N, C-alpha and C. Protein backbone atom coordinates (compact mmCIF):
# COMPACT_ATOMS: atom_id res chain seq x y z
N UNK A 1 6.86 0.12 3.26
CA UNK A 1 7.29 0.27 2.01
C UNK A 1 6.75 1.51 1.35
N UNK A 2 7.89 2.81 0.41
CA UNK A 2 7.88 2.80 -0.41
C UNK A 2 6.84 2.65 -1.73
N UNK A 3 5.28 3.94 -2.16
CA UNK A 3 4.55 2.96 -3.61
C UNK A 3 5.21 4.38 -4.46
N UNK A 4 5.62 4.28 -5.45
CA UNK A 4 5.83 5.10 -6.51
C UNK A 4 5.43 4.77 -7.87
N UNK A 5 4.86 5.62 -8.26
CA UNK A 5 3.78 6.11 -9.57
C UNK A 5 4.69 5.75 -10.94
N UNK A 6 4.63 5.68 -12.04
CA UNK A 6 5.17 5.46 -13.29
C UNK A 6 5.16 7.16 -13.63
N UNK A 7 4.36 8.08 -13.09
CA UNK A 7 4.24 9.17 -13.54
C UNK A 7 5.68 10.00 -13.28
N UNK A 8 5.83 9.63 -11.57
CA UNK A 8 6.47 10.45 -10.41
C UNK A 8 7.59 11.31 -11.02
N UNK A 9 8.43 11.50 -12.36
CA UNK A 9 9.28 12.40 -13.66
C UNK A 9 9.14 13.69 -13.99
N UNK A 10 7.10 12.43 -14.59
CA UNK A 10 6.43 14.22 -15.27
C UNK A 10 5.50 14.62 -14.87
N UNK A 11 4.71 14.19 -13.82
CA UNK A 11 3.50 14.72 -13.10
C UNK A 11 3.56 14.67 -11.87
N UNK A 12 4.35 15.96 -11.06
CA UNK A 12 3.92 16.78 -9.64
C UNK A 12 2.26 16.64 -9.50
N UNK A 13 1.40 16.76 -9.86
CA UNK A 13 -0.04 16.81 -9.50
C UNK A 13 -0.11 15.96 -9.04
N UNK A 14 -0.22 14.86 -10.12
CA UNK A 14 -0.60 13.28 -9.81
C UNK A 14 -0.10 12.52 -8.22
N UNK A 15 1.77 13.18 -8.37
CA UNK A 15 1.70 12.43 -7.50
C UNK A 15 1.26 13.25 -6.28
N UNK A 16 1.32 14.45 -5.96
CA UNK A 16 0.70 14.56 -4.73
C UNK A 16 -1.06 14.36 -3.99
N UNK A 17 -1.70 14.26 -5.87
CA UNK A 17 -3.05 14.35 -5.25
C UNK A 17 -2.25 12.54 -5.26
N UNK A 18 -2.17 11.16 -5.69
CA UNK A 18 -1.66 10.39 -5.24
C UNK A 18 -0.57 10.00 -3.46
N UNK A 19 -0.61 10.89 -2.88
CA UNK A 19 0.09 11.16 -1.65
C UNK A 19 -1.06 11.46 -0.88
N UNK A 20 -2.34 12.50 -1.57
CA UNK A 20 -3.13 12.55 -0.94
C UNK A 20 -4.40 11.74 -0.39
N UNK A 21 -4.17 10.84 -1.13
CA UNK A 21 -5.01 9.67 -1.98
C UNK A 21 -4.22 8.83 -0.22
N UNK A 22 -3.15 8.37 -0.58
CA UNK A 22 -2.66 7.65 0.26
C UNK A 22 -3.09 7.49 1.98
N UNK A 23 -2.92 9.04 1.66
CA UNK A 23 -2.58 10.03 3.25
C UNK A 23 -4.54 9.92 4.10
N UNK A 24 -5.09 10.04 3.31
CA UNK A 24 -6.99 10.08 4.02
C UNK A 24 -7.04 8.45 4.11
N UNK A 25 -6.68 7.27 3.25
CA UNK A 25 -6.93 6.40 3.06
C UNK A 25 -6.75 6.02 4.79
N UNK A 26 -5.36 5.95 4.70
CA UNK A 26 -4.44 5.17 5.65
C UNK A 26 -5.00 6.60 7.16
N UNK A 27 -5.48 7.57 7.08
CA UNK A 27 -6.33 8.04 8.10
C UNK A 27 -7.46 7.77 8.13
N UNK A 28 -8.33 6.89 7.44
CA UNK A 28 -9.40 6.38 7.91
C UNK A 28 -9.43 5.23 8.43
N UNK A 29 -8.60 4.34 7.23
CA UNK A 29 -7.98 3.49 8.41
C UNK A 29 -8.46 3.04 9.68
N UNK A 30 -6.67 4.01 10.37
CA UNK A 30 -7.03 4.28 11.42
C UNK A 30 -8.00 5.02 12.58
N UNK A 31 -8.31 5.15 11.65
CA UNK A 31 -10.21 5.77 12.34
C UNK A 31 -10.83 5.01 12.44
N UNK A 32 -11.30 4.28 11.77
CA UNK A 32 -11.84 3.22 12.11
C UNK A 32 -11.77 2.19 13.17
N UNK A 33 -10.79 1.66 13.07
CA UNK A 33 -9.90 1.09 13.78
C UNK A 33 -9.92 1.66 15.18
N UNK A 34 -9.69 2.90 15.43
CA UNK A 34 -9.48 3.43 17.01
C UNK A 34 -11.37 3.49 17.39
N UNK A 35 -11.79 3.70 16.58
CA UNK A 35 -13.41 3.98 16.93
C UNK A 35 -13.72 2.51 17.43
N UNK A 36 -13.58 1.36 16.38
CA UNK A 36 -13.67 -0.37 16.90
C UNK A 36 -13.15 -0.59 17.98
N UNK A 37 -11.89 -0.01 18.36
CA UNK A 37 -10.98 -0.72 19.78
C UNK A 37 -11.77 -0.54 20.45
N UNK A 38 -12.50 1.27 20.68
CA UNK A 38 -12.34 2.36 21.80
C UNK A 38 -13.51 1.53 21.88
N UNK A 39 -14.47 1.55 21.31
CA UNK A 39 -15.76 0.68 21.38
C UNK A 39 -16.77 1.50 21.17
N UNK A 40 -16.59 2.89 21.10
CA UNK A 40 -17.32 3.58 20.66
C UNK A 40 -18.12 4.13 19.79
N UNK A 41 -19.36 4.20 20.27
CA UNK A 41 -20.88 4.52 19.48
C UNK A 41 -21.44 5.60 19.54
N UNK A 42 -22.78 5.80 18.79
CA UNK A 42 -23.08 7.11 18.38
C UNK A 42 -22.87 7.88 17.13
N UNK A 43 -24.00 9.41 17.71
CA UNK A 43 -23.25 10.52 16.81
C UNK A 43 -22.31 10.22 16.58
N UNK A 44 -21.68 10.49 17.63
CA UNK A 44 -19.86 11.01 17.29
C UNK A 44 -19.29 10.22 16.56
N UNK A 45 -19.67 8.90 16.87
CA UNK A 45 -18.44 8.07 16.29
C UNK A 45 -18.74 7.77 15.12
N UNK A 46 -19.69 7.79 14.36
CA UNK A 46 -20.79 7.63 13.17
C UNK A 46 -20.21 8.93 12.79
N UNK A 47 -19.94 9.91 12.83
CA UNK A 47 -19.89 11.31 12.35
C UNK A 47 -18.31 11.82 11.87
N UNK A 48 -17.73 10.92 12.99
CA UNK A 48 -15.74 11.02 12.77
C UNK A 48 -15.53 10.29 11.07
N UNK A 49 -16.05 8.68 11.32
CA UNK A 49 -16.33 7.79 10.48
C UNK A 49 -16.47 8.52 9.39
N UNK A 50 -17.87 8.75 9.00
CA UNK A 50 -18.39 9.73 7.88
C UNK A 50 -17.54 10.87 7.07
N UNK A 51 -17.13 11.78 8.02
CA UNK A 51 -15.93 13.11 8.04
C UNK A 51 -14.38 11.71 7.36
N UNK A 52 -13.95 10.84 8.16
CA UNK A 52 -12.56 10.09 7.38
C UNK A 52 -12.96 9.74 6.21
N UNK A 53 -14.08 9.33 6.07
CA UNK A 53 -14.82 8.45 4.57
C UNK A 53 -14.58 9.92 3.51
N UNK A 54 -15.60 11.22 4.24
CA UNK A 54 -15.33 11.73 2.88
C UNK A 54 -14.40 12.79 2.61
N UNK A 55 -13.72 12.61 3.07
CA UNK A 55 -12.06 13.17 2.81
C UNK A 55 -11.28 12.47 2.14
N UNK A 56 -11.27 10.74 2.24
CA UNK A 56 -10.72 10.48 1.22
C UNK A 56 -11.42 10.29 -0.04
N UNK A 57 -13.08 9.48 0.46
CA UNK A 57 -14.13 9.84 -1.01
C UNK A 57 -13.39 11.58 -1.82
N UNK A 58 -13.34 12.45 -1.20
CA UNK A 58 -12.55 13.71 -1.90
C UNK A 58 -11.79 13.65 -2.45
N UNK A 59 -10.47 12.74 -2.17
CA UNK A 59 -8.64 13.22 -2.46
C UNK A 59 -8.87 12.23 -3.36
N UNK A 60 -9.36 10.61 -3.36
CA UNK A 60 -9.89 10.13 -4.62
C UNK A 60 -10.14 10.12 -5.92
N UNK A 61 -11.46 11.34 -5.68
CA UNK A 61 -11.85 11.99 -6.81
C UNK A 61 -11.11 13.34 -7.82
N UNK A 62 -10.37 13.95 -7.13
CA UNK A 62 -10.01 14.68 -7.38
C UNK A 62 -8.32 14.18 -8.06
N UNK A 63 -8.12 13.19 -8.13
CA UNK A 63 -6.97 11.91 -8.34
C UNK A 63 -7.27 11.44 -9.74
N UNK A 64 -8.72 11.10 -9.74
CA UNK A 64 -9.65 10.39 -10.67
C UNK A 64 -9.73 11.63 -11.79
N UNK A 65 -10.01 12.42 -11.48
CA UNK A 65 -10.46 13.86 -12.74
C UNK A 65 -9.56 14.66 -13.04
N UNK A 66 -7.87 14.37 -12.39
CA UNK A 66 -6.81 14.57 -12.72
C UNK A 66 -6.29 14.20 -13.87
N UNK A 67 -6.31 12.72 -13.53
CA UNK A 67 -5.89 11.50 -14.43
C UNK A 67 -6.46 11.77 -15.45
N UNK A 68 -7.58 11.56 -15.72
CA UNK A 68 -8.73 11.61 -16.77
C UNK A 68 -8.70 13.36 -17.69
N UNK A 69 -8.14 13.59 -17.09
CA UNK A 69 -8.01 15.39 -17.32
C UNK A 69 -6.71 16.57 -18.45
N UNK A 70 -5.26 15.74 -17.63
CA UNK A 70 -4.21 16.13 -17.14
C UNK A 70 -3.28 14.93 -18.48
N UNK A 71 -3.07 16.15 -19.67
CA UNK A 71 -3.06 15.26 -21.09
C UNK A 71 -1.44 14.54 -20.81
N UNK A 72 -0.71 14.98 -20.04
CA UNK A 72 0.47 13.96 -19.25
C UNK A 72 0.65 12.81 -19.34
N UNK A 73 -0.71 12.70 -18.37
CA UNK A 73 -0.79 11.42 -16.88
C UNK A 73 -1.23 11.02 -17.96
N UNK A 74 -2.44 11.51 -19.08
CA UNK A 74 -2.47 10.56 -19.66
C UNK A 74 -2.42 9.68 -20.93
N UNK A 75 -0.99 10.46 -21.32
CA UNK A 75 -0.08 9.67 -22.29
C UNK A 75 0.70 8.55 -21.52
N UNK A 76 0.93 8.91 -21.10
CA UNK A 76 2.04 7.96 -20.29
C UNK A 76 1.20 6.75 -19.62
N UNK A 77 -0.33 7.21 -19.57
CA UNK A 77 -0.92 5.53 -19.25
C UNK A 77 -1.17 5.23 -20.50
N UNK A 78 -1.41 5.78 -21.29
CA UNK A 78 -1.77 5.51 -22.70
C UNK A 78 -0.59 4.09 -22.97
N UNK A 79 1.06 5.09 -23.38
CA UNK A 79 2.61 4.65 -23.12
C UNK A 79 2.32 2.86 -22.47
N UNK A 80 1.72 2.75 -20.76
CA UNK A 80 2.00 1.94 -20.35
C UNK A 80 0.39 0.68 -20.16
N UNK A 81 0.10 1.22 -21.12
CA UNK A 81 -1.35 -0.09 -21.25
C UNK A 81 -2.26 0.70 -20.58
N UNK A 82 -2.59 1.35 -20.27
CA UNK A 82 -3.40 1.95 -19.15
C UNK A 82 -2.86 2.30 -17.80
N UNK A 83 -1.63 1.50 -17.72
CA UNK A 83 -1.85 1.30 -15.92
C UNK A 83 -0.89 2.68 -15.97
N UNK A 84 -1.27 3.43 -15.07
CA UNK A 84 -0.81 4.83 -15.05
C UNK A 84 0.03 4.73 -13.33
N UNK A 85 0.10 3.85 -12.53
CA UNK A 85 -0.03 4.02 -11.09
C UNK A 85 -0.31 2.67 -10.16
N UNK A 86 1.00 1.68 -9.87
CA UNK A 86 1.19 0.79 -9.67
C UNK A 86 0.53 1.19 -8.18
N UNK A 87 0.65 1.61 -7.70
CA UNK A 87 0.00 2.48 -5.75
C UNK A 87 -2.02 2.63 -6.18
N UNK A 88 -1.94 3.95 -7.42
CA UNK A 88 -2.97 4.32 -7.41
C UNK A 88 -4.42 2.70 -8.05
N UNK A 89 -3.48 2.06 -8.62
CA UNK A 89 -4.26 0.59 -8.46
C UNK A 89 -4.19 -0.71 -7.22
N UNK A 90 -3.72 0.17 -6.52
CA UNK A 90 -4.01 -0.42 -5.01
C UNK A 90 -4.61 -0.33 -4.42
N UNK A 91 -5.09 0.85 -4.98
CA UNK A 91 -6.12 1.55 -4.26
C UNK A 91 -7.17 1.79 -4.30
N UNK A 92 -7.37 1.10 -5.29
CA UNK A 92 -8.74 1.51 -6.36
C UNK A 92 -9.76 -0.19 -5.94
N UNK A 93 -9.34 -1.22 -5.90
CA UNK A 93 -10.43 -2.26 -5.20
C UNK A 93 -10.44 -1.69 -4.01
N UNK A 94 -10.01 -0.96 -3.09
CA UNK A 94 -9.94 -0.80 -1.67
C UNK A 94 -11.37 0.58 -1.61
N UNK A 95 -11.59 0.91 -2.78
CA UNK A 95 -12.79 1.47 -2.63
C UNK A 95 -13.49 1.88 -3.64
N UNK A 96 -13.56 0.62 -4.83
CA UNK A 96 -14.61 0.52 -5.91
C UNK A 96 -15.22 -0.77 -4.86
């Protein structure tokens, strides 16, 4: 299922950052499932999961920073009642 945002036409940077968030979240979820299914334990598994989580957190922070600092995104968000992207809104409950 393809997720599209309201700002797709106007802000390429937002779209790129949103895609990075989606990719890193999917990678983190896959990594968690792989570690769980394999039964791996210990520092190596913990470090791998911590790295995947950190990658997602960085991608999420960059998206939020952009959203708060981009005049185009701010204008579009205000026009749509504060909802910048349906896809980002689906990511939000998973992270916060």
